Amino acid sequence: MVRTMGGTSKRLTVRRPGTCAACGRSVAVEEQAIWESATRRLTCVGCASVPPPTADGDQPGGSALREYERRHKKREQHARERLGVLGLILARVIEQPQSTRAWKQGGQGEVRTGERLDVHRRGHGVRVLHDRRVPGHGNANLDHIAIGPAGVLVIDTKTHRGDIRVDRIGGLFAPRRTVLLINGRDQTKLIDGLERQIGHVRYALQGCAHESSIEIRGALCFPNPDGLPLFSQLTVRDIVIDGPKPIAKLACRPGPLTAEAIEQIWNHLRLSLPAA
């Protein structure tokens, strides 16, 4: 149970069918939901789990957490249809598949990155967009885009755990190249994916008044930075790899863009890349 500005709110098992006050979806009997006693407001867990908007009005991790709740509810519903109340109990006791848990883990990682960006950008004139959709590219989305005096920083949050390092491989009969290793496994595909995201942002900036003078960089953010080096910063093909605080500082670095230009770029990207 938690205390809110509107009174007391608690998570409960619904005993009578209702309607979510946020999204309008029907909430069935035996489903989990949030009840606010003061306002008599019922909210489905999916809407309640989405973090509140940041200072710029976005919700970091919102689409990932909604997808987690959708899969979670579908699993419980399937179990209940097959085995009744026993199935519902088993679905809540047995650990969820990794494919479902990954959505929650990823969404929570984006929330942590978004919170740190909000803290460290204050007073630096940096505007941020979170969880943006790329029109025409299926389910492709961008976790965070920071627009500051130095330009645009495209940030992709990753929740991998373990030792993170950069190495050079090849030579003699193969060209040498820099790779990203996580727990000894080649994860350079994360760099490839972020470079595609940078391409989407560059395309979205076409027609912007400041297009020719905007520097666009990328950063892989690990909100659990235990596996990162303590005294150095990793880079692969000019992509920075670090924790939320250093990446927030990178977004706040000085540059030639004025506050007016930052606002225009932020608004252009906000319209070109809608919320996911």
C-alpha atoms as a PDB file:
ATOM      1  CA  MET A   1       0.000   0.000   0.000  1.00  0.00           C
ATOM      2  CA  VAL A   2       1.276   3.488  -0.837  1.00  0.00           C
ATOM      3  CA  ARG A   3       0.205   6.995   0.073  1.00  0.00           C
ATOM      4  CA  THR A   4      -0.537   9.344  -2.846  1.00  0.00           C
ATOM      5  CA  MET A   5      -1.649  12.941  -3.148  1.00  0.00           C
ATOM      6  CA  GLY A   6      -5.176  11.675  -3.735  1.00  0.00           C
ATOM      7  CA  GLY A   7      -5.159   9.412  -0.666  1.00  0.00           C
ATOM      8  CA  THR A   8      -4.350   5.715  -0.271  1.00  0.00           C
ATOM      9  CA  SER A   9      -3.756   3.480  -3.240  1.00  0.00           C
ATOM     10  CA  LYS A  10      -3.259  -0.300  -3.118  1.00  0.00           C
ATOM     11  CA  ARG A  11      -2.852  -3.257  -5.427  1.00  0.00           C
ATOM     12  CA  LEU A  12      -5.649  -5.797  -5.154  1.00  0.00           C
ATOM     13  CA  THR A  13      -7.370  -8.697  -6.882  1.00  0.00           C
ATOM     14  CA  VAL A  14     -10.513  -7.458  -8.606  1.00  0.00           C
ATOM     15  CA  ARG A  15     -13.718  -9.094  -7.314  1.00  0.00           C
ATOM     16  CA  ARG A  16     -16.112  -7.259  -9.635  1.00  0.00           C
ATOM     17  CA  PRO A  17     -15.461  -6.333 -13.276  1.00  0.00           C
ATOM     18  CA  GLY A  18     -14.460  -2.732 -13.863  1.00  0.00           C
ATOM     19  CA  THR A  19     -12.847  -0.340 -16.315  1.00  0.00           C
ATOM     20  CA  CYS A  20      -9.337   1.139 -16.199  1.00  0.00           C
ATOM     21  CA  ALA A  21      -9.617   4.885 -15.621  1.00  0.00           C
ATOM     22  CA  ALA A  22      -6.433   5.490 -17.648  1.00  0.00           C
ATOM     23  CA  CYS A  23      -6.826   3.407 -20.831  1.00  0.00           C
ATOM     24  CA  GLY A  24     -10.525   2.405 -20.747  1.00  0.00           C
ATOM     25  CA  ARG A  25      -9.748  -1.331 -20.927  1.00  0.00           C
ATOM     26  CA  SER A  26     -12.085  -3.772 -19.163  1.00  0.00           C
ATOM     27  CA  VAL A  27     -10.587  -5.188 -15.959  1.00  0.00           C
ATOM     28  CA  ALA A  28     -11.809  -8.750 -15.341  1.00  0.00           C
ATOM     29  CA  VAL A  29     -12.545 -10.563 -12.081  1.00  0.00           C
ATOM     30  CA  GLU A  30      -9.390 -12.101 -10.473  1.00  0.00           C
ATOM     31  CA  GLU A  31      -7.154  -9.647 -12.353  1.00  0.00           C
ATOM     32  CA  GLN A  32      -4.656  -7.499 -10.447  1.00  0.00           C
ATOM     33  CA  ALA A  33      -5.314  -3.721 -10.468  1.00  0.00           C
ATOM     34  CA  ILE A  34      -4.622  -0.532  -8.503  1.00  0.00           C
ATOM     35  CA  TRP A  35      -7.450   0.960  -6.415  1.00  0.00           C
ATOM     36  CA  GLU A  36      -7.357   4.578  -5.156  1.00  0.00           C
ATOM     37  CA  SER A  37      -9.774   4.836  -2.251  1.00  0.00           C
ATOM     38  CA  ALA A  38     -10.089   8.646  -2.175  1.00  0.00           C
ATOM     39  CA  THR A  39     -11.046   9.001  -5.837  1.00  0.00           C
ATOM     40  CA  ARG A  40     -12.557   5.481  -6.211  1.00  0.00           C
ATOM     41  CA  ARG A  41     -10.391   5.120  -9.288  1.00  0.00           C
ATOM     42  CA  LEU A  42      -9.421   1.701 -10.701  1.00  0.00           C
ATOM     43  CA  THR A  43      -6.274   1.467 -12.837  1.00  0.00           C
ATOM     44  CA  CYS A  44      -4.975  -1.659 -14.583  1.00  0.00           C
ATOM     45  CA  VAL A  45      -1.462  -2.780 -13.624  1.00  0.00           C
ATOM     46  CA  GLY A  46      -0.211  -2.029 -17.131  1.00  0.00           C
ATOM     47  CA  CYS A  47      -1.041   1.671 -16.852  1.00  0.00           C
ATOM     48  CA  ALA A  48       0.094   1.882 -13.216  1.00  0.00           C
ATOM     49  CA  SER A  49       3.522   0.361 -14.015  1.00  0.00           C
ATOM     50  CA  VAL A  50       4.383   2.996 -16.612  1.00  0.00           C
ATOM     51  CA  PRO A  51       6.620   5.625 -15.010  1.00  0.00           C
ATOM     52  CA  PRO A  52       5.402   9.212 -14.674  1.00  0.00           C
ATOM     53  CA  PRO A  53       6.404  11.663 -17.420  1.00  0.00           C
ATOM     54  CA  THR A  54       9.757  13.429 -17.140  1.00  0.00           C
ATOM     55  CA  ALA A  55      10.228  17.187 -17.244  1.00  0.00           C
ATOM     56  CA  ASP A  56       9.875  17.018 -21.046  1.00  0.00           C
ATOM     57  CA  GLY A  57       6.642  14.999 -20.835  1.00  0.00           C
ATOM     58  CA  ASP A  58       8.034  11.631 -22.002  1.00  0.00           C
ATOM     59  CA  GLN A  59       7.869   8.256 -20.255  1.00  0.00           C
ATOM     60  CA  PRO A  60      11.208   6.391 -20.336  1.00  0.00           C
ATOM     61  CA  GLY A  61      10.691   2.655 -20.704  1.00  0.00           C
ATOM     62  CA  GLY A  62       6.947   3.056 -21.157  1.00  0.00           C
ATOM     63  CA  SER A  63       6.518   0.846 -24.227  1.00  0.00           C
ATOM     64  CA  ALA A  64       8.740  -1.943 -22.828  1.00  0.00           C
ATOM     65  CA  LEU A  65       6.864  -2.019 -19.512  1.00  0.00           C
ATOM     66  CA  ARG A  66       3.503  -2.032 -21.305  1.00  0.00           C
ATOM     67  CA  GLU A  67       4.676  -4.988 -23.419  1.00  0.00           C
ATOM     68  CA  TYR A  68       5.777  -6.806 -20.262  1.00  0.00           C
ATOM     69  CA  GLU A  69       2.356  -6.283 -18.664  1.00  0.00           C
ATOM     70  CA  ARG A  70       0.604  -7.435 -21.862  1.00  0.00           C
ATOM     71  CA  ARG A  71       2.611 -10.693 -21.890  1.00  0.00           C
ATOM     72  CA  HIS A  72       2.188 -11.126 -18.141  1.00  0.00           C
ATOM     73  CA  LYS A  73      -1.603 -10.781 -18.370  1.00  0.00           C
ATOM     74  CA  LYS A  74      -1.830 -13.036 -21.430  1.00  0.00           C
ATOM     75  CA  ARG A  75       0.076 -15.770 -19.583  1.00  0.00           C
ATOM     76  CA  GLU A  76      -2.199 -15.542 -16.534  1.00  0.00           C
ATOM     77  CA  GLN A  77      -5.321 -15.484 -18.698  1.00  0.00           C
ATOM     78  CA  HIS A  78      -4.186 -18.563 -20.662  1.00  0.00           C
ATOM     79  CA  ALA A  79      -3.431 -20.449 -17.435  1.00  0.00           C
ATOM     80  CA  ARG A  80      -6.803 -19.490 -15.937  1.00  0.00           C
ATOM     81  CA  GLU A  81      -8.693 -20.594 -19.069  1.00  0.00           C
ATOM     82  CA  ARG A  82      -7.019 -24.027 -18.953  1.00  0.00           C
ATOM     83  CA  LEU A  83      -6.925 -24.764 -15.210  1.00  0.00           C
ATOM     84  CA  GLY A  84      -9.184 -22.206 -13.563  1.00  0.00           C
ATOM     85  CA  VAL A  85      -8.086 -20.619 -10.282  1.00  0.00           C
ATOM     86  CA  LEU A  86      -5.366 -23.281  -9.875  1.00  0.00           C
ATOM     87  CA  GLY A  87      -3.847 -22.227 -13.197  1.00  0.00           C
ATOM     88  CA  LEU A  88      -3.847 -18.592 -12.118  1.00  0.00           C
ATOM     89  CA  ILE A  89      -2.053 -19.514  -8.882  1.00  0.00           C
ATOM     90  CA  LEU A  90       0.528 -21.606 -10.753  1.00  0.00           C
ATOM     91  CA  ALA A  91       1.155 -18.794 -13.256  1.00  0.00           C
ATOM     92  CA  ARG A  92       1.952 -16.462 -10.365  1.00  0.00           C
ATOM     93  CA  VAL A  93       4.183 -18.955  -8.568  1.00  0.00           C
ATOM     94  CA  ILE A  94       6.163 -20.377 -11.502  1.00  0.00           C
ATOM     95  CA  GLU A  95       8.848 -18.042 -12.818  1.00  0.00           C
ATOM     96  CA  GLN A  96       7.986 -16.205 -16.012  1.00  0.00           C
ATOM     97  CA  PRO A  97       9.844 -17.068 -19.234  1.00  0.00           C
ATOM     98  CA  GLN A  98      12.999 -15.058 -19.931  1.00  0.00           C
ATOM     99  CA  SER A  99      11.362 -13.611 -23.064  1.00  0.00           C
ATOM    100  CA  THR A 100       8.772 -11.940 -20.789  1.00  0.00           C
ATOM    101  CA  ARG A 101      11.139 -10.918 -17.979  1.00  0.00           C
ATOM    102  CA  ALA A 102      13.459  -9.268 -20.492  1.00  0.00           C
ATOM    103  CA  TRP A 103      10.812  -6.651 -21.296  1.00  0.00           C
ATOM    104  CA  LYS A 104      10.495  -5.698 -17.633  1.00  0.00           C
ATOM    105  CA  GLN A 105      14.251  -5.626 -17.130  1.00  0.00           C
ATOM    106  CA  GLY A 106      14.759  -3.486 -20.216  1.00  0.00           C
ATOM    107  CA  GLY A 107      11.970  -1.067 -19.295  1.00  0.00           C
ATOM    108  CA  GLN A 108      13.263  -0.623 -15.750  1.00  0.00           C
ATOM    109  CA  GLY A 109      16.751   0.009 -17.129  1.00  0.00           C
ATOM    110  CA  GLU A 110      15.379   2.774 -19.362  1.00  0.00           C
ATOM    111  CA  VAL A 111      13.600   4.294 -16.366  1.00  0.00           C
ATOM    112  CA  ARG A 112      16.869   4.435 -14.386  1.00  0.00           C
ATOM    113  CA  THR A 113      18.735   5.993 -17.298  1.00  0.00           C
ATOM    114  CA  GLY A 114      15.961   8.536 -17.799  1.00  0.00           C
ATOM    115  CA  GLU A 115      16.040   9.481 -14.104  1.00  0.00           C
ATOM    116  CA  ARG A 116      19.808  10.046 -14.141  1.00  0.00           C
ATOM    117  CA  LEU A 117      19.609  12.092 -17.331  1.00  0.00           C
ATOM    118  CA  ASP A 118      16.958  14.278 -15.730  1.00  0.00           C
ATOM    119  CA  VAL A 119      19.100  14.853 -12.627  1.00  0.00           C
ATOM    120  CA  HIS A 120      22.371  15.703 -14.355  1.00  0.00           C
ATOM    121  CA  ARG A 121      21.039  17.792 -17.228  1.00  0.00           C
ATOM    122  CA  ARG A 122      19.496  20.428 -14.977  1.00  0.00           C
ATOM    123  CA  GLY A 123      20.984  23.848 -15.545  1.00  0.00           C
ATOM    124  CA  HIS A 124      22.743  22.817 -18.769  1.00  0.00           C
ATOM    125  CA  GLY A 125      19.994  23.622 -21.269  1.00  0.00           C
ATOM    126  CA  VAL A 126      19.643  19.998 -22.427  1.00  0.00           C
ATOM    127  CA  ARG A 127      16.286  18.721 -23.693  1.00  0.00           C
ATOM    128  CA  VAL A 128      15.504  14.989 -23.796  1.00  0.00           C
ATOM    129  CA  LEU A 129      13.126  12.712 -25.672  1.00  0.00           C
ATOM    130  CA  HIS A 130      12.438   9.203 -24.356  1.00  0.00           C
ATOM    131  CA  ASP A 131      10.997   6.072 -25.969  1.00  0.00           C
ATOM    132  CA  ARG A 132      10.421   7.352 -29.494  1.00  0.00           C
ATOM    133  CA  ARG A 133       9.033   5.342 -32.405  1.00  0.00           C
ATOM    134  CA  VAL A 134      10.666   5.283 -35.857  1.00  0.00           C
ATOM    135  CA  PRO A 135       7.865   5.570 -38.457  1.00  0.00           C
ATOM    136  CA  GLY A 136       8.124   3.064 -41.292  1.00  0.00           C
ATOM    137  CA  HIS A 137      10.482   0.727 -39.413  1.00  0.00           C
ATOM    138  CA  GLY A 138       8.163  -1.678 -37.621  1.00  0.00           C
ATOM    139  CA  ASN A 139       8.759  -1.886 -33.894  1.00  0.00           C
ATOM    140  CA  ALA A 140      12.044   0.053 -34.010  1.00  0.00           C
ATOM    141  CA  ASN A 141      12.292   2.595 -31.235  1.00  0.00           C
ATOM    142  CA  LEU A 142      14.857   4.916 -29.669  1.00  0.00           C
ATOM    143  CA  ASP A 143      15.350   4.778 -25.891  1.00  0.00           C
ATOM    144  CA  HIS A 144      16.631   8.337 -25.331  1.00  0.00           C
ATOM    145  CA  ILE A 145      17.657  11.336 -27.426  1.00  0.00           C
ATOM    146  CA  ALA A 146      19.444  14.200 -25.657  1.00  0.00           C
ATOM    147  CA  ILE A 147      19.755  17.575 -27.403  1.00  0.00           C
ATOM    148  CA  GLY A 148      22.314  19.926 -25.868  1.00  0.00           C
ATOM    149  CA  PRO A 149      24.733  22.740 -26.766  1.00  0.00           C
ATOM    150  CA  ALA A 150      27.128  20.281 -28.474  1.00  0.00           C
ATOM    151  CA  GLY A 151      24.459  18.541 -30.576  1.00  0.00           C
ATOM    152  CA  VAL A 152      22.367  15.370 -30.436  1.00  0.00           C
ATOM    153  CA  LEU A 153      23.270  12.301 -28.386  1.00  0.00           C
ATOM    154  CA  VAL A 154      21.379   9.069 -29.196  1.00  0.00           C
ATOM    155  CA  ILE A 155      21.403   6.838 -26.098  1.00  0.00           C
ATOM    156  CA  ASP A 156      20.555   3.135 -26.108  1.00  0.00           C
ATOM    157  CA  THR A 157      20.057   1.534 -22.664  1.00  0.00           C
ATOM    158  CA  LYS A 158      21.300  -2.034 -22.169  1.00  0.00           C
ATOM    159  CA  THR A 159      20.861  -4.167 -19.060  1.00  0.00           C
ATOM    160  CA  HIS A 160      23.510  -6.821 -19.767  1.00  0.00           C
ATOM    161  CA  ARG A 161      25.474  -7.845 -16.675  1.00  0.00           C
ATOM    162  CA  GLY A 162      29.073  -8.985 -16.407  1.00  0.00           C
ATOM    163  CA  ASP A 163      32.502  -7.814 -17.480  1.00  0.00           C
ATOM    164  CA  ILE A 164      32.359  -5.244 -20.285  1.00  0.00           C
ATOM    165  CA  ARG A 165      35.465  -4.478 -22.296  1.00  0.00           C
ATOM    166  CA  VAL A 166      36.741  -3.553 -25.736  1.00  0.00           C
ATOM    167  CA  ASP A 167      39.329  -5.553 -27.689  1.00  0.00           C
ATOM    168  CA  ARG A 168      41.078  -5.539 -31.037  1.00  0.00           C
ATOM    169  CA  ILE A 169      40.926  -8.693 -33.112  1.00  0.00           C
ATOM    170  CA  GLY A 170      42.211  -9.732 -36.530  1.00  0.00           C
ATOM    171  CA  GLY A 171      45.588  -9.226 -38.190  1.00  0.00           C
ATOM    172  CA  LEU A 172      47.802 -11.060 -40.650  1.00  0.00           C
ATOM    173  CA  PHE A 173      45.105 -12.491 -42.929  1.00  0.00           C
ATOM    174  CA  ALA A 174      42.104 -10.542 -41.620  1.00  0.00           C
ATOM    175  CA  PRO A 175      41.613  -6.807 -41.106  1.00  0.00           C
ATOM    176  CA  ARG A 176      41.919  -5.650 -37.505  1.00  0.00           C
ATOM    177  CA  ARG A 177      38.721  -4.363 -35.903  1.00  0.00           C
ATOM    178  CA  THR A 178      37.492  -3.233 -32.507  1.00  0.00           C
ATOM    179  CA  VAL A 179      34.858  -5.386 -30.823  1.00  0.00           C
ATOM    180  CA  LEU A 180      32.659  -5.049 -27.741  1.00  0.00           C
ATOM    181  CA  LEU A 181      32.909  -8.018 -25.382  1.00  0.00           C
ATOM    182  CA  ILE A 182      30.441  -8.739 -22.565  1.00  0.00           C
ATOM    183  CA  ASN A 183      31.367 -11.733 -20.411  1.00  0.00           C
ATOM    184  CA  GLY A 184      33.799 -12.711 -23.143  1.00  0.00           C
ATOM    185  CA  ARG A 185      31.126 -12.837 -25.863  1.00  0.00           C
ATOM    186  CA  ASP A 186      31.250 -10.632 -28.926  1.00  0.00           C
ATOM    187  CA  GLN A 187      28.350  -8.167 -28.578  1.00  0.00           C
ATOM    188  CA  THR A 188      29.438  -5.703 -31.266  1.00  0.00           C
ATOM    189  CA  LYS A 189      25.944  -6.093 -32.712  1.00  0.00           C
ATOM    190  CA  LEU A 190      24.861  -3.599 -30.025  1.00  0.00           C
ATOM    191  CA  ILE A 191      27.120  -1.015 -31.669  1.00  0.00           C
ATOM    192  CA  ASP A 192      25.698  -1.894 -35.094  1.00  0.00           C
ATOM    193  CA  GLY A 193      22.157  -1.399 -33.767  1.00  0.00           C
ATOM    194  CA  LEU A 194      22.977   1.986 -32.257  1.00  0.00           C
ATOM    195  CA  GLU A 195      24.566   3.144 -35.500  1.00  0.00           C
ATOM    196  CA  ARG A 196      21.289   2.313 -37.254  1.00  0.00           C
ATOM    197  CA  GLN A 197      19.475   4.406 -34.639  1.00  0.00           C
ATOM    198  CA  ILE A 198      21.826   7.320 -35.319  1.00  0.00           C
ATOM    199  CA  GLY A 199      20.932   6.946 -38.995  1.00  0.00           C
ATOM    200  CA  HIS A 200      17.217   7.160 -38.140  1.00  0.00           C
ATOM    201  CA  VAL A 201      17.805  10.365 -36.169  1.00  0.00           C
ATOM    202  CA  ARG A 202      19.919  11.865 -38.941  1.00  0.00           C
ATOM    203  CA  TYR A 203      17.120  11.116 -41.416  1.00  0.00           C
ATOM    204  CA  ALA A 204      14.521  12.586 -39.040  1.00  0.00           C
ATOM    205  CA  LEU A 205      16.538  15.810 -38.853  1.00  0.00           C
ATOM    206  CA  GLN A 206      16.241  16.434 -42.594  1.00  0.00           C
ATOM    207  CA  GLY A 207      14.638  19.801 -43.160  1.00  0.00           C
ATOM    208  CA  CYS A 208      15.554  21.071 -39.693  1.00  0.00           C
ATOM    209  CA  ALA A 209      16.817  24.670 -39.764  1.00  0.00           C
ATOM    210  CA  HIS A 210      20.100  23.658 -38.095  1.00  0.00           C
ATOM    211  CA  GLU A 211      20.600  20.352 -39.932  1.00  0.00           C
ATOM    212  CA  SER A 212      24.052  21.126 -41.372  1.00  0.00           C
ATOM    213  CA  SER A 213      25.543  22.213 -38.028  1.00  0.00           C
ATOM    214  CA  ILE A 214      24.251  19.392 -35.793  1.00  0.00           C
ATOM    215  CA  GLU A 215      26.769  16.875 -34.470  1.00  0.00           C
ATOM    216  CA  ILE A 216      25.128  13.485 -33.840  1.00  0.00           C
ATOM    217  CA  ARG A 217      26.818  10.978 -31.543  1.00  0.00           C
ATOM    218  CA  GLY A 218      25.794   7.721 -29.905  1.00  0.00           C
ATOM    219  CA  ALA A 219      26.200   6.161 -26.454  1.00  0.00           C
ATOM    220  CA  LEU A 220      25.468   2.726 -25.005  1.00  0.00           C
ATOM    221  CA  CYS A 221      24.275   3.205 -21.427  1.00  0.00           C
ATOM    222  CA  PHE A 222      24.507   0.455 -18.804  1.00  0.00           C
ATOM    223  CA  PRO A 223      22.391   1.503 -15.776  1.00  0.00           C
ATOM    224  CA  ASN A 224      24.099  -1.329 -13.823  1.00  0.00           C
ATOM    225  CA  PRO A 225      27.709  -0.266 -14.487  1.00  0.00           C
ATOM    226  CA  ASP A 226      29.441  -2.852 -12.248  1.00  0.00           C
ATOM    227  CA  GLY A 227      31.148  -4.507 -15.212  1.00  0.00           C
ATOM    228  CA  LEU A 228      32.567  -1.285 -16.655  1.00  0.00           C
ATOM    229  CA  PRO A 229      36.174  -0.110 -16.086  1.00  0.00           C
ATOM    230  CA  LEU A 230      36.579   2.176 -13.062  1.00  0.00           C
ATOM    231  CA  PHE A 231      39.109   4.638 -14.477  1.00  0.00           C
ATOM    232  CA  SER A 232      38.574   4.681 -18.241  1.00  0.00           C
ATOM    233  CA  GLN A 233      35.781   5.080 -20.765  1.00  0.00           C
ATOM    234  CA  LEU A 234      35.197   2.549 -23.518  1.00  0.00           C
ATOM    235  CA  THR A 235      34.514   3.506 -27.130  1.00  0.00           C
ATOM    236  CA  VAL A 236      33.875   1.497 -30.282  1.00  0.00           C
ATOM    237  CA  ARG A 237      33.673   3.332 -33.617  1.00  0.00           C
ATOM    238  CA  ASP A 238      33.125   6.620 -31.724  1.00  0.00           C
ATOM    239  CA  ILE A 239      30.246   5.110 -29.721  1.00  0.00           C
ATOM    240  CA  VAL A 240      30.717   5.807 -26.009  1.00  0.00           C
ATOM    241  CA  ILE A 241      30.036   2.910 -23.601  1.00  0.00           C
ATOM    242  CA  ASP A 242      29.450   3.923 -19.987  1.00  0.00           C
ATOM    243  CA  GLY A 243      27.012   4.349 -17.086  1.00  0.00           C
ATOM    244  CA  PRO A 244      24.203   6.931 -16.804  1.00  0.00           C
ATOM    245  CA  LYS A 245      26.162   9.688 -15.007  1.00  0.00           C
ATOM    246  CA  PRO A 246      29.113   9.952 -17.467  1.00  0.00           C
ATOM    247  CA  ILE A 247      26.723   9.750 -20.416  1.00  0.00           C
ATOM    248  CA  ALA A 248      24.549  12.511 -18.922  1.00  0.00           C
ATOM    249  CA  LYS A 249      27.696  14.642 -18.623  1.00  0.00           C
ATOM    250  CA  LEU A 250      28.517  13.863 -22.263  1.00  0.00           C
ATOM    251  CA  ALA A 251      25.067  15.146 -23.256  1.00  0.00           C
ATOM    252  CA  CYS A 252      25.742  18.364 -21.288  1.00  0.00           C
ATOM    253  CA  ARG A 253      29.133  19.141 -22.846  1.00  0.00           C
ATOM    254  CA  PRO A 254      29.512  22.704 -24.166  1.00  0.00           C
ATOM    255  CA  GLY A 255      29.005  23.514 -27.837  1.00  0.00           C
ATOM    256  CA  PRO A 256      27.833  26.073 -30.373  1.00  0.00           C
ATOM    257  CA  LEU A 257      24.058  25.534 -30.229  1.00  0.00           C
ATOM    258  CA  THR A 258      21.974  28.229 -28.588  1.00  0.00           C
ATOM    259  CA  ALA A 259      18.972  27.609 -26.352  1.00  0.00           C
ATOM    260  CA  GLU A 260      16.704  28.601 -29.249  1.00  0.00           C
ATOM    261  CA  ALA A 261      18.413  26.143 -31.609  1.00  0.00           C
ATOM    262  CA  ILE A 262      18.159  23.332 -29.030  1.00  0.00           C
ATOM    263  CA  GLU A 263      14.456  23.994 -28.632  1.00  0.00           C
ATOM    264  CA  GLN A 264      13.901  23.948 -32.410  1.00  0.00           C
ATOM    265  CA  ILE A 265      15.830  20.667 -32.837  1.00  0.00           C
ATOM    266  CA  TRP A 266      13.983  19.083 -29.893  1.00  0.00           C
ATOM    267  CA  ASN A 267      10.615  20.083 -31.318  1.00  0.00           C
ATOM    268  CA  HIS A 268      11.560  18.893 -34.834  1.00  0.00           C
ATOM    269  CA  LEU A 269      12.543  15.443 -33.497  1.00  0.00           C
ATOM    270  CA  ARG A 270       9.497  15.310 -31.235  1.00  0.00           C
ATOM    271  CA  LEU A 271       7.244  15.657 -34.278  1.00  0.00           C
ATOM    272  CA  SER A 272       9.312  13.429 -36.582  1.00  0.00           C
ATOM    273  CA  LEU A 273       9.710  10.604 -34.045  1.00  0.00           C
ATOM    274  CA  PRO A 274       6.402  10.150 -32.168  1.00  0.00           C
ATOM    275  CA  ALA A 275       6.138   8.578 -28.718  1.00  0.00           C
ATOM    276  CA  ALA A 276       6.250   4.765 -28.798  1.00  0.00           C
END
